[in-house]
Amino acid sequence: LLYTTSSGVRRIRVHTLCLPITTSPLLLYQSVDVRTTWNLLVKMAIDRLLQTSLESARSFLMDALVHVLQNFLNFLTQDQRSANQLLLPDSLLTLPVVINALLKNPTLRNDADT
């Protein structure tokens, strides 16, 4: 809503509403768009690179991937976790590969990295 105050200042009033999108976090993980997630992570890593350091950007990407995987594992049952394999929904299967490829990209590598 765009309005003008009594003193002549133009303001935007934003109304937000919290709506539940799912009752199961597992369904949320199954509907993740990897390209969108990757795009967001790349932009955040580049921002870190410009503001702090290369190592900070690289560690951010690794930490983000670990955080996603740990949170997903928190929603699995004990039986599902006991299988000694990496369980990911189909929508997130390529995320570790994409993050690894990004870390090997010349933009985010030191010359000392081989």
C-alpha atoms as a PDB file:
ATOM      1  CA  LEU A   1       0.000   0.000   0.000  1.00  0.00           C
ATOM      2  CA  LEU A   2       1.514   3.322  -1.051  1.00  0.00           C
ATOM      3  CA  TYR A   3       0.459   6.378   0.912  1.00  0.00           C
ATOM      4  CA  THR A   4       1.585   9.868   1.887  1.00  0.00           C
ATOM      5  CA  THR A   5       1.913  10.906   5.533  1.00  0.00           C
ATOM      6  CA  SER A   6       0.483  14.169   6.844  1.00  0.00           C
ATOM      7  CA  SER A   7       3.974  15.676   6.597  1.00  0.00           C
ATOM      8  CA  GLY A   8       4.182  14.815   2.860  1.00  0.00           C
ATOM      9  CA  VAL A   9       6.522  11.826   3.113  1.00  0.00           C
ATOM     10  CA  ARG A  10       5.764   8.985   0.700  1.00  0.00           C
ATOM     11  CA  ARG A  11       5.748   5.572   2.411  1.00  0.00           C
ATOM     12  CA  ILE A  12       5.062   2.000   1.524  1.00  0.00           C
ATOM     13  CA  ARG A  13       3.146  -0.102   3.996  1.00  0.00           C
ATOM     14  CA  VAL A  14       3.687  -3.828   3.651  1.00  0.00           C
ATOM     15  CA  HIS A  15       1.312  -6.328   5.146  1.00  0.00           C
ATOM     16  CA  THR A  16       2.643  -9.836   5.588  1.00  0.00           C
ATOM     17  CA  LEU A  17       0.799 -13.018   6.321  1.00  0.00           C
ATOM     18  CA  CYS A  18       2.336 -16.273   7.481  1.00  0.00           C
ATOM     19  CA  LEU A  19       0.694 -19.228   5.739  1.00  0.00           C
ATOM     20  CA  PRO A  20       1.640 -22.862   6.263  1.00  0.00           C
ATOM     21  CA  ILE A  21       2.893 -24.430   3.045  1.00  0.00           C
ATOM     22  CA  THR A  22       3.270 -27.990   4.245  1.00  0.00           C
ATOM     23  CA  THR A  23       2.784 -30.092   7.336  1.00  0.00           C
ATOM     24  CA  SER A  24       5.842 -32.232   6.626  1.00  0.00           C
ATOM     25  CA  PRO A  25       9.363 -30.799   6.294  1.00  0.00           C
ATOM     26  CA  LEU A  26      10.282 -33.834   4.174  1.00  0.00           C
ATOM     27  CA  LEU A  27       7.817 -32.669   1.533  1.00  0.00           C
ATOM     28  CA  LEU A  28       9.507 -29.302   1.555  1.00  0.00           C
ATOM     29  CA  TYR A  29      12.896 -30.896   0.918  1.00  0.00           C
ATOM     30  CA  GLN A  30      11.431 -32.999  -1.889  1.00  0.00           C
ATOM     31  CA  SER A  31      10.162 -29.907  -3.682  1.00  0.00           C
ATOM     32  CA  VAL A  32      13.394 -27.880  -3.548  1.00  0.00           C
ATOM     33  CA  ASP A  33      14.538 -26.453  -6.875  1.00  0.00           C
ATOM     34  CA  VAL A  34      18.292 -27.102  -7.042  1.00  0.00           C
ATOM     35  CA  ARG A  35      18.920 -24.452  -9.703  1.00  0.00           C
ATOM     36  CA  THR A  36      17.312 -21.766  -7.573  1.00  0.00           C
ATOM     37  CA  THR A  37      19.161 -22.946  -4.467  1.00  0.00           C
ATOM     38  CA  TRP A  38      22.449 -23.037  -6.365  1.00  0.00           C
ATOM     39  CA  ASN A  39      21.827 -19.560  -7.791  1.00  0.00           C
ATOM     40  CA  LEU A  40      21.173 -18.146  -4.320  1.00  0.00           C
ATOM     41  CA  LEU A  41      24.247 -19.837  -2.843  1.00  0.00           C
ATOM     42  CA  VAL A  42      26.450 -18.545  -5.675  1.00  0.00           C
ATOM     43  CA  LYS A  43      25.252 -14.979  -5.178  1.00  0.00           C
ATOM     44  CA  MET A  44      25.786 -15.207  -1.423  1.00  0.00           C
ATOM     45  CA  ALA A  45      29.273 -16.689  -1.917  1.00  0.00           C
ATOM     46  CA  ILE A  46      30.256 -13.937  -4.371  1.00  0.00           C
ATOM     47  CA  ASP A  47      28.990 -11.352  -1.896  1.00  0.00           C
ATOM     48  CA  ARG A  48      31.172 -12.923   0.818  1.00  0.00           C
ATOM     49  CA  LEU A  49      34.095 -13.005  -1.583  1.00  0.00           C
ATOM     50  CA  LEU A  50      33.786  -9.287  -2.291  1.00  0.00           C
ATOM     51  CA  GLN A  51      33.238  -8.297   1.348  1.00  0.00           C
ATOM     52  CA  THR A  52      35.666 -10.590   3.170  1.00  0.00           C
ATOM     53  CA  SER A  53      37.917 -13.180   1.552  1.00  0.00           C
ATOM     54  CA  LEU A  54      38.085 -16.087  -0.844  1.00  0.00           C
ATOM     55  CA  GLU A  55      38.408 -18.586   1.991  1.00  0.00           C
ATOM     56  CA  SER A  56      35.298 -17.163   3.635  1.00  0.00           C
ATOM     57  CA  ALA A  57      33.284 -17.659   0.434  1.00  0.00           C
ATOM     58  CA  ARG A  58      34.531 -21.222   0.031  1.00  0.00           C
ATOM     59  CA  SER A  59      33.796 -22.126   3.642  1.00  0.00           C
ATOM     60  CA  PHE A  60      30.337 -20.546   3.330  1.00  0.00           C
ATOM     61  CA  LEU A  61      29.471 -22.902   0.467  1.00  0.00           C
ATOM     62  CA  MET A  62      30.692 -25.954   2.357  1.00  0.00           C
ATOM     63  CA  ASP A  63      28.902 -24.881   5.539  1.00  0.00           C
ATOM     64  CA  ALA A  64      25.674 -24.266   3.623  1.00  0.00           C
ATOM     65  CA  LEU A  65      25.805 -27.734   2.082  1.00  0.00           C
ATOM     66  CA  VAL A  66      26.535 -29.377   5.430  1.00  0.00           C
ATOM     67  CA  HIS A  67      23.715 -27.391   7.042  1.00  0.00           C
ATOM     68  CA  VAL A  68      21.199 -28.526   4.407  1.00  0.00           C
ATOM     69  CA  LEU A  69      22.247 -32.161   4.759  1.00  0.00           C
ATOM     70  CA  GLN A  70      22.221 -32.094   8.562  1.00  0.00           C
ATOM     71  CA  ASN A  71      18.765 -30.531   8.676  1.00  0.00           C
ATOM     72  CA  PHE A  72      17.425 -33.088   6.228  1.00  0.00           C
ATOM     73  CA  LEU A  73      18.836 -35.942   8.335  1.00  0.00           C
ATOM     74  CA  ASN A  74      17.085 -34.533  11.408  1.00  0.00           C
ATOM     75  CA  PHE A  75      13.724 -35.291   9.794  1.00  0.00           C
ATOM     76  CA  LEU A  76      14.523 -38.899   8.928  1.00  0.00           C
ATOM     77  CA  THR A  77      13.533 -41.752  11.195  1.00  0.00           C
ATOM     78  CA  GLN A  78      16.161 -43.799  12.997  1.00  0.00           C
ATOM     79  CA  ASP A  79      15.626 -46.720  10.596  1.00  0.00           C
ATOM     80  CA  GLN A  80      16.213 -44.482   7.599  1.00  0.00           C
ATOM     81  CA  ARG A  81      19.381 -43.044   9.159  1.00  0.00           C
ATOM     82  CA  SER A  82      20.823 -46.419  10.123  1.00  0.00           C
ATOM     83  CA  ALA A  83      21.421 -47.408   6.494  1.00  0.00           C
ATOM     84  CA  ASN A  84      25.073 -46.477   5.930  1.00  0.00           C
ATOM     85  CA  GLN A  85      24.440 -44.368   2.865  1.00  0.00           C
ATOM     86  CA  LEU A  86      23.763 -40.777   1.999  1.00  0.00           C
ATOM     87  CA  LEU A  87      20.013 -40.301   1.791  1.00  0.00           C
ATOM     88  CA  LEU A  88      18.775 -37.315  -0.143  1.00  0.00           C
ATOM     89  CA  PRO A  89      15.503 -36.581  -1.848  1.00  0.00           C
ATOM     90  CA  ASP A  90      15.653 -36.684  -5.645  1.00  0.00           C
ATOM     91  CA  SER A  91      15.478 -32.903  -5.789  1.00  0.00           C
ATOM     92  CA  LEU A  92      18.745 -32.528  -3.831  1.00  0.00           C
ATOM     93  CA  LEU A  93      20.819 -35.332  -5.334  1.00  0.00           C
ATOM     94  CA  THR A  94      22.807 -32.984  -7.549  1.00  0.00           C
ATOM     95  CA  LEU A  95      23.413 -30.260  -4.948  1.00  0.00           C
ATOM     96  CA  PRO A  96      26.675 -31.749  -3.558  1.00  0.00           C
ATOM     97  CA  VAL A  97      27.958 -32.213  -7.118  1.00  0.00           C
ATOM     98  CA  VAL A  98      27.081 -28.645  -8.059  1.00  0.00           C
ATOM     99  CA  ILE A  99      28.728 -27.233  -4.932  1.00  0.00           C
ATOM    100  CA  ASN A 100      31.854 -29.298  -5.627  1.00  0.00           C
ATOM    101  CA  ALA A 101      31.958 -28.021  -9.215  1.00  0.00           C
ATOM    102  CA  LEU A 102      31.553 -24.476  -7.960  1.00  0.00           C
ATOM    103  CA  LEU A 103      34.430 -24.903  -5.515  1.00  0.00           C
ATOM    104  CA  LYS A 104      36.617 -26.097  -8.405  1.00  0.00           C
ATOM    105  CA  ASN A 105      35.657 -23.098 -10.542  1.00  0.00           C
ATOM    106  CA  PRO A 106      38.639 -20.748 -11.133  1.00  0.00           C
ATOM    107  CA  THR A 107      36.658 -17.873  -9.609  1.00  0.00           C
ATOM    108  CA  LEU A 108      36.638 -19.533  -6.197  1.00  0.00           C
ATOM    109  CA  ARG A 109      40.049 -21.203  -6.264  1.00  0.00           C
ATOM    110  CA  ASN A 110      43.443 -20.148  -5.057  1.00  0.00           C
ATOM    111  CA  ASP A 111      46.303 -20.652  -7.470  1.00  0.00           C
ATOM    112  CA  ALA A 112      47.771 -22.970  -4.845  1.00  0.00           C
ATOM    113  CA  ASP A 113      44.689 -25.255  -5.043  1.00  0.00           C
ATOM    114  CA  THR A 114      45.216 -28.202  -7.320  1.00  0.00           C
END
